[in-house]
Amino acid sequence: MTVDDDKQKIKTQSTSQAPRDFYYVMGVSPNASTDDIHEAYSQLTNRLGPHSAAADDDPELQARTWKDIELAYQTLSDTAKRREYDKNSAVFRQTSDVRALWNKVTSGVQNVVQSTQQAQTQEIKNVQGKIQAQSLEMELEITLKEAVKGCHRQLVINDPKACEECINLKPVNRMQCPNCRGVGYFTVDRKVEIDLPRGLFDGMEIRRTNQGKWDMRAGTYGDLILKIKLRPHPVLGVIDKDITINVPVTLYEAMLGAEIEIPTATGKVVMKIQPLTQPGRVYRLKGLGLAGADQLVTVDVLIPSQLNGEEVKLYQKLKELSKEKNPREALFAAAQTSV
């Protein structure tokens, strides 16, 4: 009998105006023992319980079905309630032996418990074939150097594993399981080795097929999605995929030009400063950014904080030799046009 058959059986009982046949709901004979009722409830829990695959197919129908099962189990598992129920329900209860009916449906299989387990296994395989394993997303922080050159990481993933200690126990006894405490599974650590390519950047997603967490419903591993996050650098910044840096230079280097060392993500390079470099000028170092982008070097010209007597005389001499116009003349000219 399939999960859909079970749900349809319960649905028929739930929507009918007549009182419920709890023996029919549980799938047991009216002469069933208390152990038979516990066993049937355990099977129905696996097939139609809140954590079963049936809950994903039709949550509303599953909720109604499970409500009827719980009510039937609470009534039939209690001796006093069952006696009262038998007394008042003989008129409308099914007279056929449901277990015999199950044997007929399963082509004459004599061992109902075994056939049910086989059906459950097949149903799980069928459901697993239709369910796509859930992907696992992880944020991975890396340095700028690792982003440019690539890197290796060892990740630890917590996989759920079915608890074999209590898998065959009745639901009421599973809560005593020392391994899973009634949940039905526990987690085990699995190490995954990941080689990240060069050319990474902030916000980039890398997918590794079938390297994510084990999905018990799908019966396979999901994908692993790594979201790259760049660790802040003490002197280098990032704009999109370009690496940025502000580099101080002396007044003399800016005026006369110079070759200076520039920090990069992987070390340092020598960059040539052109003569008469203005403050704020941006030099572009090709290919030194992220994923083939550039490194942008902004020049910050430092003015001396103090001068000695000889330096003052030299600057006075430079002032006398300078033929540049007053740089503020354009300001006053613009101001006059607005009057």
Protein backbone atom coordinates (compact mmCIF):
# COMPACT_ATOMS: atom_id res chain seq x y z
CA MET A 1 0.00 0.00 0.00
CA THR A 2 1.48 3.35 -0.99
CA VAL A 3 1.62 6.60 0.95
CA ASP A 4 -1.10 8.02 -1.34
CA ASP A 5 -3.31 4.98 -0.56
CA ASP A 6 -2.87 5.57 3.18
CA LYS A 7 -3.70 9.26 2.83
CA GLN A 8 -6.75 8.55 0.65
CA LYS A 9 -7.97 5.98 3.19
CA ILE A 10 -7.72 8.49 6.02
CA LYS A 11 -9.20 11.24 3.86
CA THR A 12 -12.26 9.09 3.17
CA GLN A 13 -12.71 8.54 6.91
CA SER A 14 -12.11 12.22 7.77
CA THR A 15 -14.54 13.69 5.23
CA SER A 16 -17.35 11.25 5.94
CA GLN A 17 -20.18 12.33 8.20
CA ALA A 18 -20.20 8.89 9.90
CA PRO A 19 -18.10 8.24 13.01
CA ARG A 20 -14.52 7.24 12.34
CA ASP A 21 -13.48 3.61 12.18
CA PHE A 22 -10.24 3.83 14.18
CA TYR A 23 -9.27 0.26 13.30
CA TYR A 24 -9.55 1.12 9.64
CA VAL A 25 -7.52 4.30 10.18
CA MET A 26 -4.75 2.36 11.93
CA GLY A 27 -4.89 -0.47 9.42
CA VAL A 28 -5.40 -3.18 12.03
CA SER A 29 -8.01 -5.79 12.84
CA PRO A 30 -10.55 -5.14 15.63
CA ASN A 31 -8.92 -8.12 17.37
CA ALA A 32 -5.46 -6.56 17.19
CA SER A 33 -3.35 -6.66 20.32
CA THR A 34 -1.85 -3.60 21.97
CA ASP A 35 1.55 -4.50 20.47
CA ASP A 36 -0.04 -4.65 17.02
CA ILE A 37 -1.45 -1.16 17.51
CA HIS A 38 1.94 0.18 18.66
CA GLU A 39 3.59 -1.44 15.65
CA ALA A 40 1.02 0.00 13.23
CA TYR A 41 1.46 3.45 14.76
CA SER A 42 5.23 3.21 14.34
CA GLN A 43 4.81 2.31 10.66
CA LEU A 44 2.33 5.15 10.08
CA THR A 45 4.68 7.58 11.81
CA ASN A 46 7.44 6.73 9.35
CA ARG A 47 5.08 6.90 6.37
CA LEU A 48 2.79 9.81 7.20
CA GLY A 49 4.30 11.59 10.20
CA PRO A 50 5.20 15.30 10.31
CA HIS A 51 8.81 14.55 9.30
CA SER A 52 7.98 12.08 6.52
CA ALA A 53 8.22 12.66 2.80
CA ALA A 54 4.41 12.75 2.64
CA ALA A 55 4.46 16.10 4.46
CA ASP A 56 6.15 17.66 1.44
CA ASP A 57 3.67 16.30 -1.13
CA ASP A 58 0.43 17.70 0.36
CA PRO A 59 0.99 19.43 3.74
CA GLU A 60 -2.72 20.16 4.29
CA LEU A 61 -3.86 16.61 3.62
CA GLN A 62 -0.95 15.23 5.66
CA ALA A 63 -1.96 17.37 8.65
CA ARG A 64 -5.56 16.12 8.54
CA THR A 65 -4.40 12.55 8.06
CA TRP A 66 -1.99 12.69 10.96
CA LYS A 67 -4.66 14.23 13.23
CA ASP A 68 -6.91 11.21 12.61
CA ILE A 69 -4.03 8.79 13.18
CA GLU A 70 -3.15 10.44 16.50
CA LEU A 71 -6.77 10.34 17.65
CA ALA A 72 -7.10 6.68 16.64
CA TYR A 73 -3.86 5.73 18.37
CA GLN A 74 -4.71 7.56 21.59
CA THR A 75 -8.06 5.79 21.71
CA LEU A 76 -6.97 2.25 20.80
CA SER A 77 -3.75 2.23 22.84
CA ASP A 78 -5.64 3.08 26.03
CA THR A 79 -7.45 0.03 27.40
CA ALA A 80 -10.34 1.95 28.95
CA LYS A 81 -10.87 4.22 25.96
CA ARG A 82 -10.69 1.26 23.59
CA ARG A 83 -13.29 -0.69 25.57
CA GLU A 84 -15.67 2.27 25.48
CA TYR A 85 -15.00 2.81 21.78
CA ASP A 86 -15.65 -0.87 20.94
CA LYS A 87 -18.94 -0.71 22.82
CA ASN A 88 -20.22 2.33 20.92
CA SER A 89 -18.73 1.75 17.45
CA ALA A 90 -19.70 -1.81 16.57
CA VAL A 91 -22.50 -0.60 14.27
CA PHE A 92 -20.40 1.47 11.87
CA ARG A 93 -16.97 -0.20 12.09
CA GLN A 94 -15.54 -2.04 9.09
CA THR A 95 -16.09 -5.79 9.43
CA SER A 96 -13.25 -6.87 7.15
CA ASP A 97 -9.80 -7.65 8.45
CA VAL A 98 -7.72 -4.77 7.13
CA ARG A 99 -4.52 -6.75 7.48
CA ALA A 100 -6.00 -9.42 5.22
CA LEU A 101 -6.96 -6.67 2.79
CA TRP A 102 -3.36 -5.44 2.86
CA ASN A 103 -2.19 -8.96 2.02
CA LYS A 104 -4.54 -9.03 -0.96
CA VAL A 105 -3.35 -5.65 -2.21
CA THR A 106 0.29 -6.72 -1.92
CA SER A 107 -0.32 -9.81 -4.09
CA GLY A 108 -0.65 -12.33 -1.30
CA VAL A 109 2.45 -11.47 0.68
CA GLN A 110 2.04 -13.24 4.00
CA ASN A 111 4.38 -11.21 6.12
CA VAL A 112 2.66 -7.83 6.31
CA VAL A 113 5.43 -6.18 8.28
CA GLN A 114 8.05 -7.26 5.76
CA SER A 115 5.97 -6.19 2.79
CA THR A 116 5.31 -2.82 4.41
CA GLN A 117 9.01 -2.26 4.98
CA GLN A 118 9.74 -3.18 1.37
CA ALA A 119 7.05 -0.79 0.19
CA GLN A 120 8.48 1.94 2.39
CA THR A 121 11.95 1.38 0.97
CA GLN A 122 10.65 1.56 -2.60
CA GLU A 123 8.60 4.65 -1.83
CA ILE A 124 11.62 6.33 -0.32
CA LYS A 125 13.65 5.54 -3.43
CA ASN A 126 10.88 6.86 -5.67
CA VAL A 127 10.56 10.04 -3.64
CA GLN A 128 14.32 10.48 -3.48
CA GLY A 129 14.52 10.24 -7.23
CA LYS A 130 12.13 13.20 -7.52
CA ILE A 131 13.56 15.37 -4.73
CA GLN A 132 16.53 17.57 -5.51
CA ALA A 133 19.11 17.65 -2.77
CA GLN A 134 19.27 20.97 -0.95
CA SER A 135 22.40 23.03 -1.58
CA LEU A 136 24.61 24.21 1.26
CA GLU A 137 25.78 27.83 1.22
CA MET A 138 28.91 28.83 3.12
CA GLU A 139 30.68 32.18 3.37
CA LEU A 140 34.42 31.90 2.86
CA GLU A 141 36.69 34.75 3.92
CA ILE A 142 39.96 35.08 2.00
CA THR A 143 42.82 37.60 1.76
CA LEU A 144 43.54 39.76 -1.27
CA LYS A 145 46.60 37.65 -1.99
CA GLU A 146 44.51 34.48 -1.97
CA ALA A 147 41.95 36.16 -4.22
CA VAL A 148 44.62 37.00 -6.80
CA LYS A 149 46.67 33.80 -6.65
CA GLY A 150 44.05 31.24 -5.58
CA CYS A 151 44.20 29.11 -2.43
CA HIS A 152 43.34 25.81 -0.76
CA ARG A 153 40.80 25.34 2.03
CA GLN A 154 39.72 22.43 4.20
CA LEU A 155 36.07 22.74 5.18
CA VAL A 156 34.12 20.77 7.79
CA ILE A 157 30.52 19.89 6.91
CA ASN A 158 28.01 18.44 9.38
CA ASP A 159 26.11 15.63 7.66
CA PRO A 160 22.92 14.13 9.15
CA LYS A 161 23.07 10.37 9.67
CA ALA A 162 20.11 8.14 10.43
CA CYS A 163 20.24 6.72 13.94
CA GLU A 164 20.51 2.93 13.73
CA GLU A 165 20.04 2.51 17.46
CA CYS A 166 16.37 3.49 17.46
CA ILE A 167 15.26 3.11 13.84
CA ASN A 168 13.24 -0.02 14.66
CA LEU A 169 11.91 1.20 18.00
CA LYS A 170 8.41 2.43 18.63
CA PRO A 171 7.98 6.23 18.67
CA VAL A 172 7.30 6.22 22.40
CA ASN A 173 10.65 4.49 23.01
CA ARG A 174 12.73 6.59 20.63
CA MET A 175 12.84 9.50 23.05
CA GLN A 176 15.10 7.40 25.28
CA CYS A 177 17.72 6.95 22.53
CA PRO A 178 21.10 8.23 23.82
CA ASN A 179 22.37 8.94 20.30
CA CYS A 180 19.64 11.10 18.79
CA ARG A 181 17.24 11.71 21.71
CA GLY A 182 14.27 10.82 19.57
CA VAL A 183 15.12 13.02 16.58
CA GLY A 184 15.94 10.00 14.44
CA TYR A 185 19.33 11.22 13.26
CA PHE A 186 22.54 12.84 14.46
CA THR A 187 25.31 14.76 12.74
CA VAL A 188 28.80 13.62 11.78
CA ASP A 189 31.68 15.80 10.62
CA ARG A 190 33.01 15.36 7.08
CA LYS A 191 36.13 17.15 5.78
CA VAL A 192 36.06 18.56 2.26
CA GLU A 193 39.20 19.72 0.45
CA ILE A 194 38.57 22.72 -1.84
CA ASP A 195 41.00 24.26 -4.34
CA LEU A 196 39.95 27.81 -5.18
CA PRO A 197 41.12 29.24 -8.51
CA ARG A 198 42.93 32.51 -9.01
CA GLY A 199 40.94 35.56 -9.98
CA LEU A 200 38.45 35.63 -7.10
CA PHE A 201 36.51 38.72 -6.08
CA ASP A 202 34.13 39.87 -3.33
CA GLY A 203 30.63 38.41 -3.66
CA MET A 204 31.71 35.74 -6.15
CA GLU A 205 29.92 32.38 -5.85
CA ILE A 206 31.67 29.07 -6.51
CA ARG A 207 29.58 25.91 -6.86
CA ARG A 208 30.97 22.44 -6.19
CA THR A 209 28.58 19.70 -7.35
CA ASN A 210 27.68 16.97 -4.84
CA GLN A 211 30.11 18.29 -2.21
CA GLY A 212 27.54 19.88 0.08
CA LYS A 213 25.55 18.39 2.96
CA TRP A 214 23.97 14.94 2.80
CA ASP A 215 20.24 15.27 2.13
CA MET A 216 18.37 12.40 3.81
CA ARG A 217 15.20 12.98 1.78
CA ALA A 218 16.96 13.00 -1.59
CA GLY A 219 19.39 10.25 -0.64
CA THR A 220 22.39 12.11 -2.05
CA TYR A 221 24.74 15.04 -1.42
CA GLY A 222 23.65 18.53 -2.37
CA ASP A 223 25.83 21.13 -4.03
CA LEU A 224 28.26 23.28 -2.07
CA ILE A 225 27.99 27.02 -2.81
CA LEU A 226 30.88 29.13 -1.53
CA LYS A 227 30.34 32.88 -1.26
CA ILE A 228 33.63 34.75 -1.35
CA LYS A 229 34.20 37.53 1.18
CA LEU A 230 37.39 39.58 1.08
CA ARG A 231 39.18 40.21 4.34
CA PRO A 232 39.99 43.93 4.82
CA HIS A 233 43.59 44.86 3.97
CA PRO A 234 45.52 47.37 6.11
CA VAL A 235 46.54 49.63 3.17
CA LEU A 236 44.81 48.33 0.05
CA GLY A 237 41.17 48.96 -0.80
CA VAL A 238 38.81 47.43 -3.35
CA ILE A 239 36.37 49.17 -5.71
CA ASP A 240 34.47 46.58 -7.71
CA LYS A 241 37.39 44.48 -8.97
CA ASP A 242 40.03 47.23 -8.92
CA ILE A 243 42.50 47.38 -6.04
CA THR A 244 43.13 50.90 -4.78
CA ILE A 245 45.83 52.58 -2.71
CA ASN A 246 46.78 56.13 -1.72
CA VAL A 247 50.55 56.66 -1.94
CA PRO A 248 52.27 59.66 -0.34
CA VAL A 249 55.14 61.27 -2.28
CA THR A 250 57.40 64.16 -1.39
CA LEU A 251 57.15 67.55 -3.06
CA TYR A 252 60.48 66.91 -4.77
CA GLU A 253 59.37 63.53 -6.15
CA ALA A 254 56.19 65.10 -7.49
CA MET A 255 58.09 67.99 -9.08
CA LEU A 256 61.07 66.13 -10.49
CA GLY A 257 59.62 62.66 -10.98
CA ALA A 258 60.84 59.46 -9.31
CA GLU A 259 60.66 55.68 -9.16
CA ILE A 260 58.87 54.48 -6.02
CA GLU A 261 57.82 51.12 -4.58
CA ILE A 262 54.09 50.41 -4.43
CA PRO A 263 52.49 47.70 -2.22
CA THR A 264 50.32 45.19 -4.13
CA ALA A 265 48.15 42.24 -3.15
CA THR A 266 51.01 39.80 -3.75
CA GLY A 267 54.03 41.93 -2.77
CA LYS A 268 55.33 45.15 -4.30
CA VAL A 269 56.24 46.70 -7.65
CA VAL A 270 58.26 49.72 -8.76
CA MET A 271 56.24 52.54 -10.34
CA LYS A 272 57.56 55.61 -12.14
CA ILE A 273 56.22 59.00 -11.03
CA GLN A 274 56.14 61.51 -13.89
CA PRO A 275 57.67 65.00 -13.33
CA LEU A 276 55.17 67.68 -12.28
CA THR A 277 52.70 65.11 -10.94
CA GLN A 278 49.71 66.90 -9.45
CA PRO A 279 48.15 65.89 -6.10
CA GLY A 280 45.33 63.40 -6.63
CA ARG A 281 46.64 62.05 -9.92
CA VAL A 282 45.74 58.39 -10.43
CA TYR A 283 48.19 55.95 -11.97
CA ARG A 284 46.83 52.65 -13.31
CA LEU A 285 48.84 49.45 -12.89
CA LYS A 286 47.44 47.03 -15.47
CA GLY A 287 46.44 43.54 -14.39
CA LEU A 288 47.29 43.92 -10.69
CA GLY A 289 43.66 44.01 -9.53
CA LEU A 290 41.16 41.19 -8.96
CA ALA A 291 40.20 38.83 -11.77
CA GLY A 292 42.40 40.67 -14.29
CA ALA A 293 41.36 44.17 -13.25
CA ASP A 294 43.82 46.96 -12.39
CA GLN A 295 45.39 48.56 -9.34
CA LEU A 296 44.69 52.28 -9.03
CA VAL A 297 47.41 54.36 -7.34
CA THR A 298 46.35 57.82 -6.14
CA VAL A 299 49.23 60.22 -5.49
CA ASP A 300 49.16 62.27 -2.30
CA VAL A 301 51.75 65.06 -2.41
CA LEU A 302 53.13 65.86 1.04
CA ILE A 303 54.03 69.49 1.87
CA PRO A 304 57.02 69.85 4.20
CA SER A 305 55.99 70.58 7.77
CA GLN A 306 59.10 72.71 8.47
CA LEU A 307 61.97 74.36 6.56
CA ASN A 308 65.48 75.39 7.60
CA GLY A 309 67.01 78.73 6.67
CA GLU A 310 68.74 77.52 3.52
CA GLU A 311 65.58 75.83 2.26
CA VAL A 312 63.64 79.06 2.76
CA LYS A 313 66.17 80.96 0.63
CA LEU A 314 65.98 78.34 -2.10
CA TYR A 315 62.16 78.50 -2.18
CA GLN A 316 62.38 82.31 -2.34
CA LYS A 317 64.74 81.97 -5.28
CA LEU A 318 62.35 79.53 -6.97
CA LYS A 319 59.52 82.00 -6.45
CA GLU A 320 61.52 84.74 -8.17
CA LEU A 321 62.39 82.43 -11.05
CA SER A 322 58.81 81.16 -11.48
CA LYS A 323 56.91 82.52 -14.48
CA GLU A 324 53.56 81.00 -13.54
CA LYS A 325 50.57 83.29 -13.26
CA ASN A 326 48.62 83.78 -10.10
CA PRO A 327 46.44 80.61 -9.93
CA ARG A 328 43.62 82.57 -8.25
CA GLU A 329 43.10 85.03 -11.09
CA ALA A 330 40.58 82.70 -12.70
CA LEU A 331 38.55 82.67 -9.49
CA PHE A 332 38.18 86.43 -9.41
CA ALA A 333 37.40 86.56 -13.11
CA ALA A 334 34.60 84.04 -12.64
CA ALA A 335 33.29 85.95 -9.63
CA GLN A 336 33.06 89.18 -11.62
CA THR A 337 30.86 87.58 -14.29
CA SER A 338 28.18 86.75 -11.72
CA VAL A 339 27.86 90.35 -10.42
